[in-house]
Amino acid sequence: MKTQWHSLAFSGLILHEILDHPLEDETPQARLKQVGMMTIIYSMNQAHQKLTLSSIMEVTALTRTGVKETVDLLVKRGMLNETIVKNSMGRGTARQFKISEGLLKNLSSFNESRASD
């Protein structure tokens, strides 16, 4: 039950952050894509999957460009942090993502306030 509340709290938090704080020249469709992408990324994170463009493409069946466009907006919002790592073959580089500490801190604060009620 605790995991379900945590997931529900995360969903509410990302809805609030994305829908209530639109970026300049951002379409409603782009915001909805971001909500969906954060939901998928959160699920992948909970399953301890690597958060790279390739792994997200595999889960979503989107093109690299489709994933990149949405993920780039989430990085711009500060919801995801990006680092450059070696790719799975060890020869090139890959973009790896992590849910931002600020977002997780907001989620933790929400859960703590809920527990004290």
PDB file of N, CA and C in Angstrom:
ATOM      1  N   MET A   1       0.822  -1.198   0.000  1.00  0.00           N
ATOM      2  CA  MET A   1       0.000   0.000   0.000  1.00  0.00           C
ATOM      3  C   MET A   1       0.869   1.267   0.000  1.00  0.00           C
ATOM      4  N   LYS A   2       1.997   1.213   0.722  1.00  0.00           N
ATOM      5  CA  LYS A   2       2.879   2.367   0.786  1.00  0.00           C
ATOM      6  C   LYS A   2       3.419   2.716  -0.607  1.00  0.00           C
ATOM      7  N   THR A   3       3.760   1.702  -1.396  1.00  0.00           N
ATOM      8  CA  THR A   3       4.262   1.923  -2.753  1.00  0.00           C
ATOM      9  C   THR A   3       3.201   2.575  -3.624  1.00  0.00           C
ATOM     10  N   GLN A   4       1.944   2.161  -3.457  1.00  0.00           N
ATOM     11  CA  GLN A   4       0.860   2.761  -4.233  1.00  0.00           C
ATOM     12  C   GLN A   4       0.693   4.233  -3.883  1.00  0.00           C
ATOM     13  N   TRP A   5       0.768   4.579  -2.601  1.00  0.00           N
ATOM     14  CA  TRP A   5       0.656   5.983  -2.192  1.00  0.00           C
ATOM     15  C   TRP A   5       1.823   6.795  -2.743  1.00  0.00           C
ATOM     16  N   HIS A   6       3.002   6.179  -2.723  1.00  0.00           N
ATOM     17  CA  HIS A   6       4.194   6.856  -3.232  1.00  0.00           C
ATOM     18  C   HIS A   6       4.023   7.158  -4.721  1.00  0.00           C
ATOM     19  N   SER A   7       3.540   6.180  -5.488  1.00  0.00           N
ATOM     20  CA  SER A   7       3.312   6.366  -6.924  1.00  0.00           C
ATOM     21  C   SER A   7       2.247   7.420  -7.186  1.00  0.00           C
ATOM     22  N   LEU A   8       1.189   7.385  -6.409  1.00  0.00           N
ATOM     23  CA  LEU A   8       0.118   8.361  -6.556  1.00  0.00           C
ATOM     24  C   LEU A   8       0.616   9.769  -6.227  1.00  0.00           C
ATOM     25  N   ALA A   9       1.422   9.880  -5.188  1.00  0.00           N
ATOM     26  CA  ALA A   9       1.983  11.182  -4.811  1.00  0.00           C
ATOM     27  C   ALA A   9       2.905  11.698  -5.913  1.00  0.00           C
ATOM     28  N   PHE A  10       3.704  10.808  -6.491  1.00  0.00           N
ATOM     29  CA  PHE A  10       4.599  11.210  -7.574  1.00  0.00           C
ATOM     30  C   PHE A  10       3.794  11.710  -8.772  1.00  0.00           C
ATOM     31  N   SER A  11       2.746  10.986  -9.120  1.00  0.00           N
ATOM     32  CA  SER A  11       1.898  11.390 -10.253  1.00  0.00           C
ATOM     33  C   SER A  11       1.294  12.768 -10.013  1.00  0.00           C
ATOM     34  N   GLY A  12       0.779  12.995  -8.819  1.00  0.00           N
ATOM     35  CA  GLY A  12       0.205  14.303  -8.494  1.00  0.00           C
ATOM     36  C   GLY A  12       1.238  15.406  -8.558  1.00  0.00           C
ATOM     37  N   LEU A  13       2.433  15.114  -8.077  1.00  0.00           N
ATOM     38  CA  LEU A  13       3.504  16.105  -8.074  1.00  0.00           C
ATOM     39  C   LEU A  13       3.916  16.478  -9.500  1.00  0.00           C
ATOM     40  N   ILE A  14       4.099  15.484 -10.365  1.00  0.00           N
ATOM     41  CA  ILE A  14       4.513  15.814 -11.731  1.00  0.00           C
ATOM     42  C   ILE A  14       3.392  16.506 -12.499  1.00  0.00           C
ATOM     43  N   LEU A  15       2.149  16.119 -12.237  1.00  0.00           N
ATOM     44  CA  LEU A  15       1.030  16.826 -12.873  1.00  0.00           C
ATOM     45  C   LEU A  15       1.053  18.297 -12.497  1.00  0.00           C
ATOM     46  N   HIS A  16       1.227  18.562 -11.209  1.00  0.00           N
ATOM     47  CA  HIS A  16       1.278  19.945 -10.728  1.00  0.00           C
ATOM     48  C   HIS A  16       2.442  20.704 -11.356  1.00  0.00           C
ATOM     49  N   GLU A  17       3.626  20.118 -11.320  1.00  0.00           N
ATOM     50  CA  GLU A  17       4.819  20.796 -11.828  1.00  0.00           C
ATOM     51  C   GLU A  17       4.739  21.085 -13.324  1.00  0.00           C
ATOM     52  N   ILE A  18       4.215  20.152 -14.093  1.00  0.00           N
ATOM     53  CA  ILE A  18       4.191  20.310 -15.551  1.00  0.00           C
ATOM     54  C   ILE A  18       2.990  21.132 -16.024  1.00  0.00           C
ATOM     55  N   LEU A  19       1.812  20.813 -15.547  1.00  0.00           N
ATOM     56  CA  LEU A  19       0.611  21.502 -16.046  1.00  0.00           C
ATOM     57  C   LEU A  19       0.458  22.909 -15.488  1.00  0.00           C
ATOM     58  N   ASP A  20       0.884  23.113 -14.253  1.00  0.00           N
ATOM     59  CA  ASP A  20       0.722  24.434 -13.643  1.00  0.00           C
ATOM     60  C   ASP A  20       1.870  25.394 -13.941  1.00  0.00           C
ATOM     61  N   HIS A  21       2.951  24.897 -14.527  1.00  0.00           N
ATOM     62  CA  HIS A  21       4.106  25.744 -14.820  1.00  0.00           C
ATOM     63  C   HIS A  21       4.572  25.511 -16.255  1.00  0.00           C
ATOM     64  N   PRO A  22       3.768  25.936 -17.243  1.00  0.00           N
ATOM     65  CA  PRO A  22       4.163  25.716 -18.638  1.00  0.00           C
ATOM     66  C   PRO A  22       5.406  26.515 -19.007  1.00  0.00           C
ATOM     67  N   LEU A  23       6.220  25.910 -19.868  1.00  0.00           N
ATOM     68  CA  LEU A  23       7.376  26.611 -20.410  1.00  0.00           C
ATOM     69  C   LEU A  23       6.905  27.538 -21.525  1.00  0.00           C
ATOM     70  N   GLU A  24       7.700  28.544 -21.831  1.00  0.00           N
ATOM     71  CA  GLU A  24       7.347  29.487 -22.894  1.00  0.00           C
ATOM     72  C   GLU A  24       7.207  28.751 -24.230  1.00  0.00           C
ATOM     73  N   ASP A  25       6.157  29.061 -24.965  1.00  0.00           N
ATOM     74  CA  ASP A  25       5.876  28.462 -26.280  1.00  0.00           C
ATOM     75  C   ASP A  25       5.671  26.944 -26.238  1.00  0.00           C
ATOM     76  N   GLU A  26       5.253  26.431 -25.103  1.00  0.00           N
ATOM     77  CA  GLU A  26       5.032  24.989 -24.960  1.00  0.00           C
ATOM     78  C   GLU A  26       3.564  24.671 -25.224  1.00  0.00           C
ATOM     79  N   THR A  27       3.311  23.640 -26.002  1.00  0.00           N
ATOM     80  CA  THR A  27       1.936  23.268 -26.323  1.00  0.00           C
ATOM     81  C   THR A  27       1.356  22.360 -25.243  1.00  0.00           C
ATOM     82  N   PRO A  28       0.035  22.308 -25.140  1.00  0.00           N
ATOM     83  CA  PRO A  28      -0.592  21.363 -24.214  1.00  0.00           C
ATOM     84  C   PRO A  28      -0.190  19.918 -24.523  1.00  0.00           C
ATOM     85  N   GLN A  29      -0.042  19.600 -25.801  1.00  0.00           N
ATOM     86  CA  GLN A  29       0.375  18.255 -26.192  1.00  0.00           C
ATOM     87  C   GLN A  29       1.767  17.930 -25.648  1.00  0.00           C
ATOM     88  N   ALA A  30       2.677  18.870 -25.695  1.00  0.00           N
ATOM     89  CA  ALA A  30       4.033  18.663 -25.175  1.00  0.00           C
ATOM     90  C   ALA A  30       3.995  18.410 -23.669  1.00  0.00           C
ATOM     91  N   ARG A  31       3.127  19.142 -22.959  1.00  0.00           N
ATOM     92  CA  ARG A  31       3.008  18.945 -21.513  1.00  0.00           C
ATOM     93  C   ARG A  31       2.467  17.557 -21.197  1.00  0.00           C
ATOM     94  N   LEU A  32       1.474  17.101 -21.952  1.00  0.00           N
ATOM     95  CA  LEU A  32       0.926  15.761 -21.721  1.00  0.00           C
ATOM     96  C   LEU A  32       1.969  14.681 -22.004  1.00  0.00           C
ATOM     97  N   LYS A  33       2.787  14.882 -23.037  1.00  0.00           N
ATOM     98  CA  LYS A  33       3.866  13.934 -23.329  1.00  0.00           C
ATOM     99  C   LYS A  33       4.850  13.865 -22.165  1.00  0.00           C
ATOM    100  N   GLN A  34       5.117  15.017 -21.565  1.00  0.00           N
ATOM    101  CA  GLN A  34       6.044  15.054 -20.439  1.00  0.00           C
ATOM    102  C   GLN A  34       5.486  14.308 -19.225  1.00  0.00           C
ATOM    103  N   VAL A  35       4.190  14.471 -18.979  1.00  0.00           N
ATOM    104  CA  VAL A  35       3.558  13.752 -17.862  1.00  0.00           C
ATOM    105  C   VAL A  35       3.686  12.248 -18.095  1.00  0.00           C
ATOM    106  N   GLY A  36       3.363  11.813 -19.305  1.00  0.00           N
ATOM    107  CA  GLY A  36       3.472  10.399 -19.631  1.00  0.00           C
ATOM    108  C   GLY A  36       4.899   9.895 -19.525  1.00  0.00           C
ATOM    109  N   MET A  37       5.855  10.671 -20.034  1.00  0.00           N
ATOM    110  CA  MET A  37       7.252  10.268 -20.005  1.00  0.00           C
ATOM    111  C   MET A  37       7.763  10.166 -18.572  1.00  0.00           C
ATOM    112  N   MET A  38       7.384  11.123 -17.714  1.00  0.00           N
ATOM    113  CA  MET A  38       7.825  11.053 -16.318  1.00  0.00           C
ATOM    114  C   MET A  38       7.231   9.836 -15.615  1.00  0.00           C
ATOM    115  N   THR A  39       6.014   9.460 -15.971  1.00  0.00           N
ATOM    116  CA  THR A  39       5.399   8.272 -15.390  1.00  0.00           C
ATOM    117  C   THR A  39       6.202   7.028 -15.777  1.00  0.00           C
ATOM    118  N   ILE A  40       6.584   6.948 -17.039  1.00  0.00           N
ATOM    119  CA  ILE A  40       7.379   5.813 -17.513  1.00  0.00           C
ATOM    120  C   ILE A  40       8.758   5.819 -16.872  1.00  0.00           C
ATOM    121  N   ILE A  41       9.379   6.966 -16.822  1.00  0.00           N
ATOM    122  CA  ILE A  41      10.717   7.078 -16.228  1.00  0.00           C
ATOM    123  C   ILE A  41      10.675   6.696 -14.749  1.00  0.00           C
ATOM    124  N   TYR A  42       9.648   7.122 -14.040  1.00  0.00           N
ATOM    125  CA  TYR A  42       9.508   6.761 -12.632  1.00  0.00           C
ATOM    126  C   TYR A  42       9.383   5.247 -12.480  1.00  0.00           C
ATOM    127  N   SER A  43       8.576   4.612 -13.324  1.00  0.00           N
ATOM    128  CA  SER A  43       8.412   3.157 -13.274  1.00  0.00           C
ATOM    129  C   SER A  43       9.730   2.453 -13.569  1.00  0.00           C
ATOM    130  N   MET A  44      10.448   2.943 -14.554  1.00  0.00           N
ATOM    131  CA  MET A  44      11.754   2.359 -14.883  1.00  0.00           C
ATOM    132  C   MET A  44      12.729   2.538 -13.721  1.00  0.00           C
ATOM    133  N   ASN A  45      12.697   3.698 -13.110  1.00  0.00           N
ATOM    134  CA  ASN A  45      13.562   3.984 -11.964  1.00  0.00           C
ATOM    135  C   ASN A  45      13.253   3.032 -10.813  1.00  0.00           C
ATOM    136  N   GLN A  46      11.981   2.817 -10.545  1.00  0.00           N
ATOM    137  CA  GLN A  46      11.572   1.908  -9.462  1.00  0.00           C
ATOM    138  C   GLN A  46      12.001   0.471  -9.751  1.00  0.00           C
ATOM    139  N   ALA A  47      12.103   0.115 -11.031  1.00  0.00           N
ATOM    140  CA  ALA A  47      12.530  -1.224 -11.434  1.00  0.00           C
ATOM    141  C   ALA A  47      14.057  -1.306 -11.594  1.00  0.00           C
ATOM    142  N   HIS A  48      14.752  -0.234 -11.218  1.00  0.00           N
ATOM    143  CA  HIS A  48      16.218  -0.158 -11.271  1.00  0.00           C
ATOM    144  C   HIS A  48      16.769  -0.352 -12.686  1.00  0.00           C
ATOM    145  N   GLN A  49      16.030   0.158 -13.676  1.00  0.00           N
ATOM    146  CA  GLN A  49      16.497   0.125 -15.057  1.00  0.00           C
ATOM    147  C   GLN A  49      17.313   1.376 -15.331  1.00  0.00           C
ATOM    148  N   LYS A  50      18.304   1.249 -16.202  1.00  0.00           N
ATOM    149  CA  LYS A  50      19.084   2.423 -16.603  1.00  0.00           C
ATOM    150  C   LYS A  50      18.183   3.358 -17.391  1.00  0.00           C
ATOM    151  N   LEU A  51      18.326   4.631 -17.139  1.00  0.00           N
ATOM    152  CA  LEU A  51      17.518   5.638 -17.820  1.00  0.00           C
ATOM    153  C   LEU A  51      18.354   6.300 -18.906  1.00  0.00           C
ATOM    154  N   THR A  52      18.434   5.638 -20.043  1.00  0.00           N
ATOM    155  CA  THR A  52      19.134   6.174 -21.213  1.00  0.00           C
ATOM    156  C   THR A  52      18.112   6.336 -22.331  1.00  0.00           C
ATOM    157  N   LEU A  53      18.484   7.081 -23.362  1.00  0.00           N
ATOM    158  CA  LEU A  53      17.573   7.239 -24.497  1.00  0.00           C
ATOM    159  C   LEU A  53      17.205   5.869 -25.071  1.00  0.00           C
ATOM    160  N   SER A  54      18.193   4.996 -25.206  1.00  0.00           N
ATOM    161  CA  SER A  54      17.931   3.672 -25.791  1.00  0.00           C
ATOM    162  C   SER A  54      16.984   2.840 -24.945  1.00  0.00           C
ATOM    163  N   SER A  55      17.173   2.850 -23.624  1.00  0.00           N
ATOM    164  CA  SER A  55      16.298   2.045 -22.765  1.00  0.00           C
ATOM    165  C   SER A  55      14.878   2.616 -22.741  1.00  0.00           C
ATOM    166  N   ILE A  56      14.759   3.938 -22.789  1.00  0.00           N
ATOM    167  CA  ILE A  56      13.432   4.558 -22.825  1.00  0.00           C
ATOM    168  C   ILE A  56      12.762   4.260 -24.167  1.00  0.00           C
ATOM    169  N   MET A  57      13.541   4.280 -25.243  1.00  0.00           N
ATOM    170  CA  MET A  57      13.010   3.936 -26.564  1.00  0.00           C
ATOM    171  C   MET A  57      12.474   2.508 -26.568  1.00  0.00           C
ATOM    172  N   GLU A  58      13.207   1.625 -25.940  1.00  0.00           N
ATOM    173  CA  GLU A  58      12.807   0.218 -25.889  1.00  0.00           C
ATOM    174  C   GLU A  58      11.470   0.049 -25.171  1.00  0.00           C
ATOM    175  N   VAL A  59      11.293   0.750 -24.074  1.00  0.00           N
ATOM    176  CA  VAL A  59      10.063   0.639 -23.289  1.00  0.00           C
ATOM    177  C   VAL A  59       8.884   1.310 -23.994  1.00  0.00           C
ATOM    178  N   THR A  60       9.125   2.471 -24.592  1.00  0.00           N
ATOM    179  CA  THR A  60       8.023   3.258 -25.164  1.00  0.00           C
ATOM    180  C   THR A  60       7.723   2.953 -26.629  1.00  0.00           C
ATOM    181  N   ALA A  61       8.674   2.355 -27.329  1.00  0.00           N
ATOM    182  CA  ALA A  61       8.572   2.114 -28.775  1.00  0.00           C
ATOM    183  C   ALA A  61       8.525   3.427 -29.572  1.00  0.00           C
ATOM    184  N   LEU A  62       8.996   4.511 -28.969  1.00  0.00           N
ATOM    185  CA  LEU A  62       9.112   5.790 -29.662  1.00  0.00           C
ATOM    186  C   LEU A  62      10.441   5.857 -30.400  1.00  0.00           C
ATOM    187  N   THR A  63      10.538   6.766 -31.345  1.00  0.00           N
ATOM    188  CA  THR A  63      11.801   6.990 -32.036  1.00  0.00           C
ATOM    189  C   THR A  63      12.759   7.730 -31.105  1.00  0.00           C
ATOM    190  N   ARG A  64      14.044   7.717 -31.462  1.00  0.00           N
ATOM    191  CA  ARG A  64      15.039   8.436 -30.671  1.00  0.00           C
ATOM    192  C   ARG A  64      14.668   9.920 -30.598  1.00  0.00           C
ATOM    193  N   THR A  65      14.245  10.492 -31.718  1.00  0.00           N
ATOM    194  CA  THR A  65      13.862  11.907 -31.750  1.00  0.00           C
ATOM    195  C   THR A  65      12.662  12.168 -30.842  1.00  0.00           C
ATOM    196  N   GLY A  66      11.678  11.281 -30.877  1.00  0.00           N
ATOM    197  CA  GLY A  66      10.497  11.432 -30.028  1.00  0.00           C
ATOM    198  C   GLY A  66      10.841  11.414 -28.546  1.00  0.00           C
ATOM    199  N   VAL A  67      11.710  10.493 -28.162  1.00  0.00           N
ATOM    200  CA  VAL A  67      12.140  10.417 -26.752  1.00  0.00           C
ATOM    201  C   VAL A  67      12.974  11.635 -26.407  1.00  0.00           C
ATOM    202  N   LYS A  68      13.922  11.977 -27.279  1.00  0.00           N
ATOM    203  CA  LYS A  68      14.836  13.094 -27.020  1.00  0.00           C
ATOM    204  C   LYS A  68      14.088  14.408 -26.818  1.00  0.00           C
ATOM    205  N   GLU A  69      13.116  14.691 -27.663  1.00  0.00           N
ATOM    206  CA  GLU A  69      12.362  15.949 -27.555  1.00  0.00           C
ATOM    207  C   GLU A  69      11.699  16.081 -26.187  1.00  0.00           C
ATOM    208  N   THR A  70      11.058  15.019 -25.748  1.00  0.00           N
ATOM    209  CA  THR A  70      10.335  15.079 -24.475  1.00  0.00           C
ATOM    210  C   THR A  70      11.292  15.094 -23.293  1.00  0.00           C
ATOM    211  N   VAL A  71      12.321  14.256 -23.338  1.00  0.00           N
ATOM    212  CA  VAL A  71      13.286  14.198 -22.246  1.00  0.00           C
ATOM    213  C   VAL A  71      14.033  15.524 -22.113  1.00  0.00           C
ATOM    214  N   ASP A  72      14.363  16.145 -23.239  1.00  0.00           N
ATOM    215  CA  ASP A  72      15.059  17.437 -23.194  1.00  0.00           C
ATOM    216  C   ASP A  72      14.226  18.495 -22.463  1.00  0.00           C
ATOM    217  N   LEU A  73      12.913  18.470 -22.653  1.00  0.00           N
ATOM    218  CA  LEU A  73      12.044  19.417 -21.937  1.00  0.00           C
ATOM    219  C   LEU A  73      12.046  19.124 -20.439  1.00  0.00           C
ATOM    220  N   LEU A  74      12.092  17.851 -20.065  1.00  0.00           N
ATOM    221  CA  LEU A  74      12.123  17.483 -18.645  1.00  0.00           C
ATOM    222  C   LEU A  74      13.448  17.888 -18.002  1.00  0.00           C
ATOM    223  N   VAL A  75      14.539  17.812 -18.767  1.00  0.00           N
ATOM    224  CA  VAL A  75      15.835  18.287 -18.274  1.00  0.00           C
ATOM    225  C   VAL A  75      15.778  19.804 -18.110  1.00  0.00           C
ATOM    226  N   LYS A  76      15.197  20.489 -19.093  1.00  0.00           N
ATOM    227  CA  LYS A  76      15.069  21.952 -19.042  1.00  0.00           C
ATOM    228  C   LYS A  76      14.260  22.384 -17.817  1.00  0.00           C
ATOM    229  N   ARG A  77      13.233  21.623 -17.481  1.00  0.00           N
ATOM    230  CA  ARG A  77      12.402  21.921 -16.308  1.00  0.00           C
ATOM    231  C   ARG A  77      13.121  21.634 -14.996  1.00  0.00           C
ATOM    232  N   GLY A  78      14.201  20.857 -15.052  1.00  0.00           N
ATOM    233  CA  GLY A  78      14.911  20.472 -13.838  1.00  0.00           C
ATOM    234  C   GLY A  78      14.327  19.230 -13.173  1.00  0.00           C
ATOM    235  N   MET A  79      13.466  18.533 -13.876  1.00  0.00           N
ATOM    236  CA  MET A  79      12.873  17.317 -13.317  1.00  0.00           C
ATOM    237  C   MET A  79      13.792  16.113 -13.497  1.00  0.00           C
ATOM    238  N   LEU A  80      14.647  16.173 -14.504  1.00  0.00           N
ATOM    239  CA  LEU A  80      15.639  15.128 -14.752  1.00  0.00           C
ATOM    240  C   LEU A  80      17.016  15.767 -14.788  1.00  0.00           C
ATOM    241  N   ASN A  81      18.005  15.031 -14.305  1.00  0.00           N
ATOM    242  CA  ASN A  81      19.402  15.427 -14.445  1.00  0.00           C
ATOM    243  C   ASN A  81      20.027  14.518 -15.489  1.00  0.00           C
ATOM    244  N   GLU A  82      20.919  15.068 -16.274  1.00  0.00           N
ATOM    245  CA  GLU A  82      21.554  14.331 -17.364  1.00  0.00           C
ATOM    246  C   GLU A  82      23.051  14.225 -17.140  1.00  0.00           C
ATOM    247  N   THR A  83      23.608  13.054 -17.388  1.00  0.00           N
ATOM    248  CA  THR A  83      25.053  12.863 -17.387  1.00  0.00           C
ATOM    249  C   THR A  83      25.431  12.095 -18.651  1.00  0.00           C
ATOM    250  N   ILE A  84      26.662  12.268 -19.070  1.00  0.00           N
ATOM    251  CA  ILE A  84      27.182  11.544 -20.228  1.00  0.00           C
ATOM    252  C   ILE A  84      28.013  10.381 -19.690  1.00  0.00           C
ATOM    253  N   VAL A  85      27.675   9.170 -20.139  1.00  0.00           N
ATOM    254  CA  VAL A  85      28.366   7.952 -19.713  1.00  0.00           C
ATOM    255  C   VAL A  85      28.800   7.176 -20.944  1.00  0.00           C
ATOM    256  N   LYS A  86      29.618   6.145 -20.731  1.00  0.00           N
ATOM    257  CA  LYS A  86      29.980   5.267 -21.853  1.00  0.00           C
ATOM    258  C   LYS A  86      28.761   4.457 -22.244  1.00  0.00           C
ATOM    259  N   ASN A  87      28.634   4.205 -23.542  1.00  0.00           N
ATOM    260  CA  ASN A  87      27.492   3.410 -23.985  1.00  0.00           C
ATOM    261  C   ASN A  87      27.695   1.942 -23.608  1.00  0.00           C
ATOM    262  N   SER A  88      26.688   1.131 -23.877  1.00  0.00           N
ATOM    263  CA  SER A  88      26.727  -0.270 -23.441  1.00  0.00           C
ATOM    264  C   SER A  88      27.868  -1.056 -24.083  1.00  0.00           C
ATOM    265  N   MET A  89      28.360  -0.599 -25.226  1.00  0.00           N
ATOM    266  CA  MET A  89      29.469  -1.286 -25.889  1.00  0.00           C
ATOM    267  C   MET A  89      30.819  -0.749 -25.410  1.00  0.00           C
ATOM    268  N   GLY A  90      30.783   0.333 -24.618  1.00  0.00           N
ATOM    269  CA  GLY A  90      32.003   0.879 -24.031  1.00  0.00           C
ATOM    270  C   GLY A  90      32.851   1.717 -24.962  1.00  0.00           C
ATOM    271  N   ARG A  91      32.387   1.965 -26.179  1.00  0.00           N
ATOM    272  CA  ARG A  91      33.201   2.709 -27.149  1.00  0.00           C
ATOM    273  C   ARG A  91      32.740   4.148 -27.332  1.00  0.00           C
ATOM    274  N   GLY A  92      31.465   4.389 -27.199  1.00  0.00           N
ATOM    275  CA  GLY A  92      30.935   5.733 -27.420  1.00  0.00           C
ATOM    276  C   GLY A  92      30.340   6.281 -26.137  1.00  0.00           C
ATOM    277  N   THR A  93      29.503   7.280 -26.303  1.00  0.00           N
ATOM    278  CA  THR A  93      28.866   7.874 -25.141  1.00  0.00           C
ATOM    279  C   THR A  93      27.349   7.741 -25.240  1.00  0.00           C
ATOM    280  N   ALA A  94      26.727   7.838 -24.098  1.00  0.00           N
ATOM    281  CA  ALA A  94      25.272   7.794 -24.019  1.00  0.00           C
ATOM    282  C   ALA A  94      24.826   8.822 -22.990  1.00  0.00           C
ATOM    283  N   ARG A  95      23.628   9.300 -23.174  1.00  0.00           N
ATOM    284  CA  ARG A  95      23.031  10.216 -22.194  1.00  0.00           C
ATOM    285  C   ARG A  95      22.276   9.374 -21.180  1.00  0.00           C
ATOM    286  N   GLN A  96      22.608   9.559 -19.918  1.00  0.00           N
ATOM    287  CA  GLN A  96      21.909   8.846 -18.853  1.00  0.00           C
ATOM    288  C   GLN A  96      21.194   9.875 -17.988  1.00  0.00           C
ATOM    289  N   PHE A  97      20.009   9.515 -17.531  1.00  0.00           N
ATOM    290  CA  PHE A  97      19.169  10.448 -16.792  1.00  0.00           C
ATOM    291  C   PHE A  97      18.884   9.926 -15.393  1.00  0.00           C
ATOM    292  N   LYS A  98      18.546  10.869 -14.535  1.00  0.00           N
ATOM    293  CA  LYS A  98      18.205  10.555 -13.153  1.00  0.00           C
ATOM    294  C   LYS A  98      17.125  11.544 -12.728  1.00  0.00           C
ATOM    295  N   ILE A  99      16.151  11.071 -11.992  1.00  0.00           N
ATOM    296  CA  ILE A  99      15.128  11.975 -11.462  1.00  0.00           C
ATOM    297  C   ILE A  99      15.822  12.935 -10.506  1.00  0.00           C
ATOM    298  N   SER A 100      15.544  14.217 -10.648  1.00  0.00           N
ATOM    299  CA  SER A 100      16.266  15.235  -9.879  1.00  0.00           C
ATOM    300  C   SER A 100      16.027  15.082  -8.379  1.00  0.00           C
ATOM    301  N   GLU A 101      17.063  15.422  -7.628  1.00  0.00           N
ATOM    302  CA  GLU A 101      16.988  15.364  -6.167  1.00  0.00           C
ATOM    303  C   GLU A 101      15.915  16.317  -5.645  1.00  0.00           C
ATOM    304  N   GLY A 102      15.768  17.471  -6.297  1.00  0.00           N
ATOM    305  CA  GLY A 102      14.748  18.441  -5.878  1.00  0.00           C
ATOM    306  C   GLY A 102      13.349  17.871  -5.977  1.00  0.00           C
ATOM    307  N   LEU A 103      13.076  17.175  -7.069  1.00  0.00           N
ATOM    308  CA  LEU A 103      11.763  16.555  -7.257  1.00  0.00           C
ATOM    309  C   LEU A 103      11.538  15.457  -6.216  1.00  0.00           C
ATOM    310  N   LEU A 104      12.564  14.637  -5.975  1.00  0.00           N
ATOM    311  CA  LEU A 104      12.443  13.572  -4.978  1.00  0.00           C
ATOM    312  C   LEU A 104      12.296  14.145  -3.565  1.00  0.00           C
ATOM    313  N   LYS A 105      12.950  15.271  -3.322  1.00  0.00           N
ATOM    314  CA  LYS A 105      12.822  15.927  -2.008  1.00  0.00           C
ATOM    315  C   LYS A 105      11.389  16.435  -1.814  1.00  0.00           C
ATOM    316  N   ASN A 106      10.816  17.042  -2.860  1.00  0.00           N
ATOM    317  CA  ASN A 106       9.420  17.496  -2.792  1.00  0.00           C
ATOM    318  C   ASN A 106       8.479  16.323  -2.536  1.00  0.00           C
ATOM    319  N   LEU A 107       8.754  15.205  -3.171  1.00  0.00           N
ATOM    320  CA  LEU A 107       7.945  14.006  -2.983  1.00  0.00           C
ATOM    321  C   LEU A 107       8.079  13.495  -1.556  1.00  0.00           C
ATOM    322  N   SER A 108       9.293  13.485  -1.049  1.00  0.00           N
ATOM    323  CA  SER A 108       9.545  13.036   0.320  1.00  0.00           C
ATOM    324  C   SER A 108       8.832  13.932   1.331  1.00  0.00           C
ATOM    325  N   SER A 109       8.873  15.247   1.094  1.00  0.00           N
ATOM    326  CA  SER A 109       8.190  16.192   1.990  1.00  0.00           C
ATOM    327  C   SER A 109       6.692  15.946   1.995  1.00  0.00           C
ATOM    328  N   PHE A 110       6.134  15.678   0.814  1.00  0.00           N
ATOM    329  CA  PHE A 110       4.711  15.387   0.713  1.00  0.00           C
ATOM    330  C   PHE A 110       4.367  14.125   1.497  1.00  0.00           C
ATOM    331  N   ASN A 111       5.176  13.084   1.334  1.00  0.00           N
ATOM    332  CA  ASN A 111       4.904  11.825   2.020  1.00  0.00           C
ATOM    333  C   ASN A 111       5.038  11.964   3.533  1.00  0.00           C
ATOM    334  N   GLU A 112       6.005  12.776   3.985  1.00  0.00           N
ATOM    335  CA  GLU A 112       6.175  12.994   5.425  1.00  0.00           C
ATOM    336  C   GLU A 112       4.976  13.736   6.010  1.00  0.00           C
ATOM    337  N   SER A 113       4.479  14.747   5.281  1.00  0.00           N
ATOM    338  CA  SER A 113       3.325  15.494   5.778  1.00  0.00           C
ATOM    339  C   SER A 113       2.078  14.616   5.792  1.00  0.00           C
ATOM    340  N   ARG A 114       1.960  13.718   4.835  1.00  0.00           N
ATOM    341  CA  ARG A 114       0.837  12.788   4.783  1.00  0.00           C
ATOM    342  C   ARG A 114       0.887  11.803   5.955  1.00  0.00           C
ATOM    343  N   ALA A 115       2.114  11.353   6.302  1.00  0.00           N
ATOM    344  CA  ALA A 115       2.276  10.389   7.386  1.00  0.00           C
ATOM    345  C   ALA A 115       1.936  11.003   8.745  1.00  0.00           C
ATOM    346  N   SER A 116       2.145  12.326   8.865  1.00  0.00           N
ATOM    347  CA  SER A 116       1.866  12.975  10.149  1.00  0.00           C
ATOM    348  C   SER A 116       0.397  13.308  10.331  1.00  0.00           C
ATOM    349  N   ASP A 117      -0.411  13.193   9.268  1.00  0.00           N
ATOM    350  CA  ASP A 117      -1.847  13.481   9.353  1.00  0.00           C
ATOM    351  C   ASP A 117      -2.599  12.389  10.074  1.00  0.00           C
TER     352      ASP A 117
END
